[in-house]
Amino acid sequence: ERETAAVRERERQLDEERRRLAAAAEERLQK
């Protein structure tokens, strides 16, 4: 359960990072 929670937290962080990079990429492209 602890390892699963850690994996889910890592997935959440990676998803947030992916969204942040996607937003930054889109902003850079639009500019």
Full PDB file with SEQRES, HELIX, SHEET, SSBOND, CRYST1, ORIGX, SCALE, CONECT and MASTER records, all heavy atoms in Angstrom:
SEQRES   1 A   31  GLU ARG GLU THR ALA ALA VAL ARG GLU ARG GLU ARG GLN          
SEQRES   2 A   31  LEU ASP GLU GLU ARG ARG ARG LEU ALA ALA ALA ALA GLU          
SEQRES   3 A   31  GLU ARG LEU GLN LYS                                          
HELIX    1 AA1 ARG A    2  GLN A   30  1                                  29    
CRYST1    1.000    1.000    1.000  90.00  90.00  90.00 P 1           1          
ORIGX1      1.000000  0.000000  0.000000        0.00000                         
ORIGX2      0.000000  1.000000  0.000000        0.00000                         
ORIGX3      0.000000  0.000000  1.000000        0.00000                         
SCALE1      1.000000  0.000000  0.000000        0.00000                         
SCALE2      0.000000  1.000000  0.000000        0.00000                         
SCALE3      0.000000  0.000000  1.000000        0.00000                         
ATOM      1  N   GLU A   1       0.834  -1.207   0.000  1.00  0.00           N  
ATOM      2  CA  GLU A   1       0.000   0.000   0.000  1.00  0.00           C  
ATOM      3  C   GLU A   1       0.866   1.253   0.000  1.00  0.00           C  
ATOM      4  O   GLU A   1       0.562   2.226  -0.696  1.00  0.00           O  
ATOM      5  CB  GLU A   1      -0.929  -0.010   1.214  1.00  0.00           C  
ATOM      6  CG  GLU A   1      -2.061  -1.017   1.113  1.00  0.00           C  
ATOM      7  CD  GLU A   1      -2.929  -1.023   2.353  1.00  0.00           C  
ATOM      8  OE1 GLU A   1      -2.514  -0.392   3.369  1.00  0.00           O  
ATOM      9  OE2 GLU A   1      -3.995  -1.651   2.334  1.00  0.00           O  
ATOM     10  N   ARG A   2       1.949   1.226   0.794  1.00  0.00           N  
ATOM     11  CA  ARG A   2       2.846   2.384   0.802  1.00  0.00           C  
ATOM     12  C   ARG A   2       3.505   2.575  -0.558  1.00  0.00           C  
ATOM     13  O   ARG A   2       3.617   3.709  -1.060  1.00  0.00           O  
ATOM     14  CB  ARG A   2       3.910   2.207   1.898  1.00  0.00           C  
ATOM     15  CG  ARG A   2       3.378   2.348   3.317  1.00  0.00           C  
ATOM     16  CD  ARG A   2       4.521   2.505   4.310  1.00  0.00           C  
ATOM     17  NE  ARG A   2       5.394   1.338   4.306  1.00  0.00           N  
ATOM     18  CZ  ARG A   2       5.225   0.290   5.115  1.00  0.00           C  
ATOM     19  NH1 ARG A   2       4.224   0.270   5.973  1.00  0.00           N  
ATOM     20  NH2 ARG A   2       6.073  -0.724   5.072  1.00  0.00           N  
ATOM     21  N   GLU A   3       3.947   1.458  -1.157  1.00  0.00           N  
ATOM     22  CA  GLU A   3       4.588   1.565  -2.471  1.00  0.00           C  
ATOM     23  C   GLU A   3       3.592   2.030  -3.526  1.00  0.00           C  
ATOM     24  O   GLU A   3       3.927   2.837  -4.409  1.00  0.00           O  
ATOM     25  CB  GLU A   3       5.190   0.225  -2.868  1.00  0.00           C  
ATOM     26  CG  GLU A   3       6.371  -0.191  -1.988  1.00  0.00           C  
ATOM     27  CD  GLU A   3       6.907  -1.558  -2.357  1.00  0.00           C  
ATOM     28  OE1 GLU A   3       6.254  -2.239  -3.188  1.00  0.00           O  
ATOM     29  OE2 GLU A   3       7.959  -1.954  -1.818  1.00  0.00           O  
ATOM     30  N   THR A   4       2.348   1.517  -3.440  1.00  0.00           N  
ATOM     31  CA  THR A   4       1.323   1.949  -4.389  1.00  0.00           C  
ATOM     32  C   THR A   4       1.025   3.432  -4.240  1.00  0.00           C  
ATOM     33  O   THR A   4       0.892   4.159  -5.228  1.00  0.00           O  
ATOM     34  CB  THR A   4       0.036   1.136  -4.181  1.00  0.00           C  
ATOM     35  OG1 THR A   4       0.304  -0.250  -4.374  1.00  0.00           O  
ATOM     36  CG2 THR A   4      -1.051   1.578  -5.157  1.00  0.00           C  
ATOM     37  N   ALA A   5       0.935   3.885  -2.990  1.00  0.00           N  
ATOM     38  CA  ALA A   5       0.695   5.305  -2.757  1.00  0.00           C  
ATOM     39  C   ALA A   5       1.846   6.152  -3.301  1.00  0.00           C  
ATOM     40  O   ALA A   5       1.634   7.217  -3.885  1.00  0.00           O  
ATOM     41  CB  ALA A   5       0.505   5.560  -1.265  1.00  0.00           C  
ATOM     42  N   ALA A   6       3.076   5.651  -3.130  1.00  0.00           N  
ATOM     43  CA  ALA A   6       4.236   6.388  -3.645  1.00  0.00           C  
ATOM     44  C   ALA A   6       4.207   6.449  -5.172  1.00  0.00           C  
ATOM     45  O   ALA A   6       4.515   7.484  -5.771  1.00  0.00           O  
ATOM     46  CB  ALA A   6       5.527   5.725  -3.161  1.00  0.00           C  
ATOM     47  N   VAL A   7       3.827   5.324  -5.811  1.00  0.00           N  
ATOM     48  CA  VAL A   7       3.744   5.307  -7.278  1.00  0.00           C  
ATOM     49  C   VAL A   7       2.667   6.266  -7.762  1.00  0.00           C  
ATOM     50  O   VAL A   7       2.860   7.012  -8.738  1.00  0.00           O  
ATOM     51  CB  VAL A   7       3.470   3.871  -7.776  1.00  0.00           C  
ATOM     52  CG1 VAL A   7       3.128   3.877  -9.259  1.00  0.00           C  
ATOM     53  CG2 VAL A   7       4.671   2.978  -7.520  1.00  0.00           C  
ATOM     54  N   ARG A   8       1.517   6.260  -7.090  1.00  0.00           N  
ATOM     55  CA  ARG A   8       0.436   7.167  -7.494  1.00  0.00           C  
ATOM     56  C   ARG A   8       0.847   8.625  -7.326  1.00  0.00           C  
ATOM     57  O   ARG A   8       0.515   9.476  -8.166  1.00  0.00           O  
ATOM     58  CB  ARG A   8      -0.817   6.870  -6.671  1.00  0.00           C  
ATOM     59  CG  ARG A   8      -1.482   5.556  -7.039  1.00  0.00           C  
ATOM     60  CD  ARG A   8      -2.662   5.254  -6.142  1.00  0.00           C  
ATOM     61  NE  ARG A   8      -3.316   4.022  -6.524  1.00  0.00           N  
ATOM     62  CZ  ARG A   8      -4.276   3.434  -5.813  1.00  0.00           C  
ATOM     63  NH1 ARG A   8      -4.691   3.992  -4.677  1.00  0.00           N  
ATOM     64  NH2 ARG A   8      -4.831   2.311  -6.243  1.00  0.00           N  
ATOM     65  N   GLU A   9       1.560   8.915  -6.243  1.00  0.00           N  
ATOM     66  CA  GLU A   9       2.030  10.283  -6.041  1.00  0.00           C  
ATOM     67  C   GLU A   9       3.022  10.670  -7.123  1.00  0.00           C  
ATOM     68  O   GLU A   9       2.992  11.800  -7.634  1.00  0.00           O  
ATOM     69  CB  GLU A   9       2.677  10.407  -4.666  1.00  0.00           C  
ATOM     70  CG  GLU A   9       3.297  11.759  -4.373  1.00  0.00           C  
ATOM     71  CD  GLU A   9       2.302  12.897  -4.377  1.00  0.00           C  
ATOM     72  OE1 GLU A   9       1.086  12.630  -4.239  1.00  0.00           O  
ATOM     73  OE2 GLU A   9       2.723  14.061  -4.515  1.00  0.00           O  
ATOM     74  N   ARG A  10       3.889   9.715  -7.502  1.00  0.00           N  
ATOM     75  CA  ARG A  10       4.850   9.990  -8.570  1.00  0.00           C  
ATOM     76  C   ARG A  10       4.127  10.209  -9.895  1.00  0.00           C  
ATOM     77  O   ARG A  10       4.490  11.112 -10.671  1.00  0.00           O  
ATOM     78  CB  ARG A  10       5.828   8.832  -8.685  1.00  0.00           C  
ATOM     79  CG  ARG A  10       6.892   9.005  -9.773  1.00  0.00           C  
ATOM     80  CD  ARG A  10       7.687  10.267  -9.582  1.00  0.00           C  
ATOM     81  NE  ARG A  10       8.719  10.416 -10.589  1.00  0.00           N  
ATOM     82  CZ  ARG A  10       9.358  11.547 -10.849  1.00  0.00           C  
ATOM     83  NH1 ARG A  10       9.049  12.649 -10.173  1.00  0.00           N  
ATOM     84  NH2 ARG A  10      10.287  11.587 -11.778  1.00  0.00           N  
ATOM     85  N   GLU A  11       3.104   9.393 -10.158  1.00  0.00           N  
ATOM     86  CA  GLU A  11       2.321   9.569 -11.383  1.00  0.00           C  
ATOM     87  C   GLU A  11       1.640  10.933 -11.390  1.00  0.00           C  
ATOM     88  O   GLU A  11       1.581  11.598 -12.424  1.00  0.00           O  
ATOM     89  CB  GLU A  11       1.276   8.459 -11.499  1.00  0.00           C  
ATOM     90  CG  GLU A  11       1.864   7.091 -11.821  1.00  0.00           C  
ATOM     91  CD  GLU A  11       0.805   6.018 -11.886  1.00  0.00           C  
ATOM     92  OE1 GLU A  11      -0.346   6.297 -11.459  1.00  0.00           O  
ATOM     93  OE2 GLU A  11       1.101   4.910 -12.351  1.00  0.00           O  
ATOM     94  N   ARG A  12       1.132  11.335 -10.224  1.00  0.00           N  
ATOM     95  CA  ARG A  12       0.480  12.647 -10.142  1.00  0.00           C  
ATOM     96  C   ARG A  12       1.484  13.759 -10.429  1.00  0.00           C  
ATOM     97  O   ARG A  12       1.192  14.705 -11.176  1.00  0.00           O  
ATOM     98  CB  ARG A  12      -0.139  12.835  -8.758  1.00  0.00           C  
ATOM     99  CG  ARG A  12      -0.941  14.119  -8.609  1.00  0.00           C  
ATOM    100  CD  ARG A  12      -1.317  14.353  -7.157  1.00  0.00           C  
ATOM    101  NE  ARG A  12      -0.137  14.591  -6.335  1.00  0.00           N  
ATOM    102  CZ  ARG A  12       0.494  15.763  -6.284  1.00  0.00           C  
ATOM    103  NH1 ARG A  12       0.083  16.791  -7.018  1.00  0.00           N  
ATOM    104  NH2 ARG A  12       1.558  15.896  -5.511  1.00  0.00           N  
ATOM    105  N   GLN A  13       2.680  13.650  -9.846  1.00  0.00           N  
ATOM    106  CA  GLN A  13       3.705  14.661 -10.082  1.00  0.00           C  
ATOM    107  C   GLN A  13       4.116  14.697 -11.551  1.00  0.00           C  
ATOM    108  O   GLN A  13       4.290  15.773 -12.126  1.00  0.00           O  
ATOM    109  CB  GLN A  13       4.919  14.382  -9.198  1.00  0.00           C  
ATOM    110  CG  GLN A  13       4.648  14.552  -7.699  1.00  0.00           C  
ATOM    111  CD  GLN A  13       5.839  14.157  -6.853  1.00  0.00           C  
ATOM    112  OE1 GLN A  13       6.852  13.688  -7.357  1.00  0.00           O  
ATOM    113  NE2 GLN A  13       5.723  14.347  -5.537  1.00  0.00           N  
ATOM    114  N   LEU A  14       4.268  13.498 -12.152  1.00  0.00           N  
ATOM    115  CA  LEU A  14       4.640  13.446 -13.567  1.00  0.00           C  
ATOM    116  C   LEU A  14       3.543  14.029 -14.442  1.00  0.00           C  
ATOM    117  O   LEU A  14       3.818  14.699 -15.450  1.00  0.00           O  
ATOM    118  CB  LEU A  14       4.931  12.004 -13.983  1.00  0.00           C  
ATOM    119  CG  LEU A  14       6.211  11.385 -13.409  1.00  0.00           C  
ATOM    120  CD1 LEU A  14       6.318   9.918 -13.813  1.00  0.00           C  
ATOM    121  CD2 LEU A  14       7.447  12.145 -13.886  1.00  0.00           C  
ATOM    122  N   ASP A  15       2.286  13.768 -14.080  1.00  0.00           N  
ATOM    123  CA  ASP A  15       1.177  14.319 -14.857  1.00  0.00           C  
ATOM    124  C   ASP A  15       1.151  15.839 -14.756  1.00  0.00           C  
ATOM    125  O   ASP A  15       0.926  16.532 -15.755  1.00  0.00           O  
ATOM    126  CB  ASP A  15      -0.151  13.735 -14.361  1.00  0.00           C  
ATOM    127  CG  ASP A  15      -1.318  14.143 -15.230  1.00  0.00           C  
ATOM    128  OD1 ASP A  15      -1.326  13.791 -16.420  1.00  0.00           O  
ATOM    129  OD2 ASP A  15      -2.225  14.831 -14.718  1.00  0.00           O  
ATOM    130  N   GLU A  16       1.380  16.354 -13.542  1.00  0.00           N  
ATOM    131  CA  GLU A  16       1.443  17.805 -13.383  1.00  0.00           C  
ATOM    132  C   GLU A  16       2.601  18.387 -14.180  1.00  0.00           C  
ATOM    133  O   GLU A  16       2.463  19.443 -14.812  1.00  0.00           O  
ATOM    134  CB  GLU A  16       1.589  18.159 -11.903  1.00  0.00           C  
ATOM    135  CG  GLU A  16       0.345  17.899 -11.081  1.00  0.00           C  
ATOM    136  CD  GLU A  16       0.533  18.325  -9.635  1.00  0.00           C  
ATOM    137  OE1 GLU A  16       1.674  18.733  -9.280  1.00  0.00           O  
ATOM    138  OE2 GLU A  16      -0.443  18.245  -8.865  1.00  0.00           O  
ATOM    139  N   GLU A  17       3.755  17.694 -14.165  1.00  0.00           N  
ATOM    140  CA  GLU A  17       4.900  18.173 -14.933  1.00  0.00           C  
ATOM    141  C   GLU A  17       4.613  18.135 -16.435  1.00  0.00           C  
ATOM    142  O   GLU A  17       4.979  19.056 -17.168  1.00  0.00           O  
ATOM    143  CB  GLU A  17       6.120  17.303 -14.615  1.00  0.00           C  
ATOM    144  CG  GLU A  17       7.403  17.705 -15.331  1.00  0.00           C  
ATOM    145  CD  GLU A  17       7.967  19.026 -14.829  1.00  0.00           C  
ATOM    146  OE1 GLU A  17       7.447  19.574 -13.828  1.00  0.00           O  
ATOM    147  OE2 GLU A  17       8.933  19.518 -15.440  1.00  0.00           O  
ATOM    148  N   ARG A  18       3.930  17.058 -16.871  1.00  0.00           N  
ATOM    149  CA  ARG A  18       3.584  16.967 -18.280  1.00  0.00           C  
ATOM    150  C   ARG A  18       2.658  18.101 -18.686  1.00  0.00           C  
ATOM    151  O   ARG A  18       2.844  18.728 -19.738  1.00  0.00           O  
ATOM    152  CB  ARG A  18       2.903  15.622 -18.561  1.00  0.00           C  
ATOM    153  CG  ARG A  18       2.479  15.443 -20.014  1.00  0.00           C  
ATOM    154  CD  ARG A  18       1.680  14.151 -20.178  1.00  0.00           C  
ATOM    155  NE  ARG A  18       0.469  14.161 -19.387  1.00  0.00           N  
ATOM    156  CZ  ARG A  18      -0.641  14.782 -19.772  1.00  0.00           C  
ATOM    157  NH1 ARG A  18      -0.683  15.433 -20.914  1.00  0.00           N  
ATOM    158  NH2 ARG A  18      -1.713  14.746 -19.009  1.00  0.00           N  
ATOM    159  N   ARG A  19       1.650  18.379 -17.856  1.00  0.00           N  
ATOM    160  CA  ARG A  19       0.725  19.470 -18.165  1.00  0.00           C  
ATOM    161  C   ARG A  19       1.451  20.816 -18.177  1.00  0.00           C  
ATOM    162  O   ARG A  19       1.176  21.674 -19.025  1.00  0.00           O  
ATOM    163  CB  ARG A  19      -0.413  19.491 -17.148  1.00  0.00           C  
ATOM    164  CG  ARG A  19      -1.338  18.285 -17.246  1.00  0.00           C  
ATOM    165  CD  ARG A  19      -2.413  18.336 -16.165  1.00  0.00           C  
ATOM    166  NE  ARG A  19      -3.260  17.170 -16.200  1.00  0.00           N  
ATOM    167  CZ  ARG A  19      -4.336  17.052 -16.979  1.00  0.00           C  
ATOM    168  NH1 ARG A  19      -4.666  18.056 -17.782  1.00  0.00           N  
ATOM    169  NH2 ARG A  19      -5.065  15.963 -16.964  1.00  0.00           N  
ATOM    170  N   ARG A  20       2.378  20.978 -17.226  1.00  0.00           N  
ATOM    171  CA  ARG A  20       3.104  22.245 -17.180  1.00  0.00           C  
ATOM    172  C   ARG A  20       3.965  22.418 -18.424  1.00  0.00           C  
ATOM    173  O   ARG A  20       3.999  23.499 -19.038  1.00  0.00           O  
ATOM    174  CB  ARG A  20       3.997  22.278 -15.928  1.00  0.00           C  
ATOM    175  CG  ARG A  20       4.697  23.620 -15.707  1.00  0.00           C  
ATOM    176  CD  ARG A  20       5.676  23.524 -14.558  1.00  0.00           C  
ATOM    177  NE  ARG A  20       6.786  22.638 -14.859  1.00  0.00           N  
ATOM    178  CZ  ARG A  20       7.823  22.992 -15.611  1.00  0.00           C  
ATOM    179  NH1 ARG A  20       7.894  24.192 -16.153  1.00  0.00           N  
ATOM    180  NH2 ARG A  20       8.802  22.125 -15.839  1.00  0.00           N  
ATOM    181  N   LEU A  21       4.646  21.338 -18.821  1.00  0.00           N  
ATOM    182  CA  LEU A  21       5.476  21.417 -20.019  1.00  0.00           C  
ATOM    183  C   LEU A  21       4.629  21.623 -21.274  1.00  0.00           C  
ATOM    184  O   LEU A  21       5.023  22.363 -22.182  1.00  0.00           O  
ATOM    185  CB  LEU A  21       6.310  20.141 -20.154  1.00  0.00           C  
ATOM    186  CG  LEU A  21       7.407  19.950 -19.109  1.00  0.00           C  
ATOM    187  CD1 LEU A  21       8.088  18.601 -19.298  1.00  0.00           C  
ATOM    188  CD2 LEU A  21       8.444  21.073 -19.190  1.00  0.00           C  
ATOM    189  N   ALA A  22       3.460  20.962 -21.319  1.00  0.00           N  
ATOM    190  CA  ALA A  22       2.582  21.144 -22.477  1.00  0.00           C  
ATOM    191  C   ALA A  22       2.099  22.584 -22.575  1.00  0.00           C  
ATOM    192  O   ALA A  22       2.053  23.176 -23.660  1.00  0.00           O  
ATOM    193  CB  ALA A  22       1.392  20.186 -22.383  1.00  0.00           C  
ATOM    194  N   ALA A  23       1.737  23.157 -21.417  1.00  0.00           N  
ATOM    195  CA  ALA A  23       1.290  24.548 -21.419  1.00  0.00           C  
ATOM    196  C   ALA A  23       2.426  25.483 -21.830  1.00  0.00           C  
ATOM    197  O   ALA A  23       2.225  26.436 -22.611  1.00  0.00           O  
ATOM    198  CB  ALA A  23       0.764  24.923 -20.033  1.00  0.00           C  
ATOM    199  N   ALA A  24       3.634  25.210 -21.320  1.00  0.00           N  
ATOM    200  CA  ALA A  24       4.771  26.053 -21.682  1.00  0.00           C  
ATOM    201  C   ALA A  24       5.096  25.914 -23.167  1.00  0.00           C  
ATOM    202  O   ALA A  24       5.411  26.903 -23.847  1.00  0.00           O  
ATOM    203  CB  ALA A  24       5.990  25.666 -20.837  1.00  0.00           C  
ATOM    204  N   ALA A  25       5.000  24.680 -23.675  1.00  0.00           N  
ATOM    205  CA  ALA A  25       5.277  24.471 -25.096  1.00  0.00           C  
ATOM    206  C   ALA A  25       4.264  25.191 -25.964  1.00  0.00           C  
ATOM    207  O   ALA A  25       4.610  25.830 -26.964  1.00  0.00           O  
ATOM    208  CB  ALA A  25       5.267  22.975 -25.403  1.00  0.00           C  
ATOM    209  N   GLU A  26       3.001  25.081 -25.586  1.00  0.00           N  
ATOM    210  CA  GLU A  26       1.966  25.765 -26.366  1.00  0.00           C  
ATOM    211  C   GLU A  26       2.156  27.276 -26.331  1.00  0.00           C  
ATOM    212  O   GLU A  26       2.028  27.963 -27.347  1.00  0.00           O  
ATOM    213  CB  GLU A  26       0.585  25.384 -25.846  1.00  0.00           C  
ATOM    214  CG  GLU A  26      -0.540  26.007 -26.662  1.00  0.00           C  
ATOM    215  CD  GLU A  26      -1.907  25.583 -26.177  1.00  0.00           C  
ATOM    216  OE1 GLU A  26      -1.983  24.963 -25.101  1.00  0.00           O  
ATOM    217  OE2 GLU A  26      -2.893  25.875 -26.854  1.00  0.00           O  
ATOM    218  N   GLU A  27       2.480  27.801 -25.147  1.00  0.00           N  
ATOM    219  CA  GLU A  27       2.692  29.242 -25.027  1.00  0.00           C  
ATOM    220  C   GLU A  27       3.879  29.681 -25.886  1.00  0.00           C  
ATOM    221  O   GLU A  27       3.826  30.710 -26.565  1.00  0.00           O  
ATOM    222  CB  GLU A  27       2.936  29.604 -23.561  1.00  0.00           C  
ATOM    223  CG  GLU A  27       3.142  31.101 -23.333  1.00  0.00           C  
ATOM    224  CD  GLU A  27       3.385  31.410 -21.868  1.00  0.00           C  
ATOM    225  OE1 GLU A  27       3.298  30.486 -21.045  1.00  0.00           O  
ATOM    226  OE2 GLU A  27       3.648  32.583 -21.562  1.00  0.00           O  
ATOM    227  N   ARG A  28       4.957  28.862 -25.862  1.00  0.00           N  
ATOM    228  CA  ARG A  28       6.134  29.205 -26.668  1.00  0.00           C  
ATOM    229  C   ARG A  28       5.804  29.163 -28.156  1.00  0.00           C  
ATOM    230  O   ARG A  28       6.209  30.038 -28.926  1.00  0.00           O  
ATOM    231  CB  ARG A  28       7.252  28.205 -26.351  1.00  0.00           C  
ATOM    232  CG  ARG A  28       8.503  28.389 -27.208  1.00  0.00           C  
ATOM    233  CD  ARG A  28       9.283  29.617 -26.787  1.00  0.00           C  
ATOM    234  NE  ARG A  28      10.527  29.715 -27.546  1.00  0.00           N  
ATOM    235  CZ  ARG A  28      10.668  30.413 -28.665  1.00  0.00           C  
ATOM    236  NH1 ARG A  28       9.635  31.067 -29.155  1.00  0.00           N  
ATOM    237  NH2 ARG A  28      11.837  30.449 -29.280  1.00  0.00           N  
ATOM    238  N   LEU A  29       5.060  28.161 -28.574  1.00  0.00           N  
ATOM    239  CA  LEU A  29       4.695  28.038 -29.979  1.00  0.00           C  
ATOM    240  C   LEU A  29       3.797  29.180 -30.412  1.00  0.00           C  
ATOM    241  O   LEU A  29       3.992  29.782 -31.478  1.00  0.00           O  
ATOM    242  CB  LEU A  29       4.002  26.691 -30.214  1.00  0.00           C  
ATOM    243  CG  LEU A  29       3.550  26.405 -31.641  1.00  0.00           C  
ATOM    244  CD1 LEU A  29       4.730  26.423 -32.599  1.00  0.00           C  
ATOM    245  CD2 LEU A  29       2.812  25.073 -31.711  1.00  0.00           C  
ATOM    246  N   GLN A  30       2.790  29.499 -29.588  1.00  0.00           N  
ATOM    247  CA  GLN A  30       1.876  30.592 -29.939  1.00  0.00           C  
ATOM    248  C   GLN A  30       2.620  31.914 -30.040  1.00  0.00           C  
ATOM    249  O   GLN A  30       2.357  32.719 -30.938  1.00  0.00           O  
ATOM    250  CB  GLN A  30       0.754  30.678 -28.899  1.00  0.00           C  
ATOM    251  CG  GLN A  30      -0.194  29.485 -28.892  1.00  0.00           C  
ATOM    252  CD  GLN A  30      -0.926  29.339 -30.203  1.00  0.00           C  
ATOM    253  OE1 GLN A  30      -1.191  30.322 -30.889  1.00  0.00           O  
ATOM    254  NE2 GLN A  30      -1.237  28.103 -30.565  1.00  0.00           N  
ATOM    255  N   LYS A  31       3.549  32.149 -29.115  1.00  0.00           N  
ATOM    256  CA  LYS A  31       4.313  33.390 -29.158  1.00  0.00           C  
ATOM    257  C   LYS A  31       5.160  33.453 -30.433  1.00  0.00           C  
ATOM    258  O   LYS A  31       5.231  34.496 -31.106  1.00  0.00           O  
ATOM    259  CB  LYS A  31       5.209  33.504 -27.931  1.00  0.00           C  
ATOM    260  CG  LYS A  31       6.046  34.790 -27.885  1.00  0.00           C  
ATOM    261  CD  LYS A  31       6.903  34.846 -26.645  1.00  0.00           C  
ATOM    262  CE  LYS A  31       7.694  36.162 -26.592  1.00  0.00           C  
ATOM    263  NZ  LYS A  31       8.546  36.353 -27.785  1.00  0.00           N  
TER     264      LYS A  31                                                      
MASTER        0    0    0    1    0    0    0    6  263    1    0    3          
END                                                                             
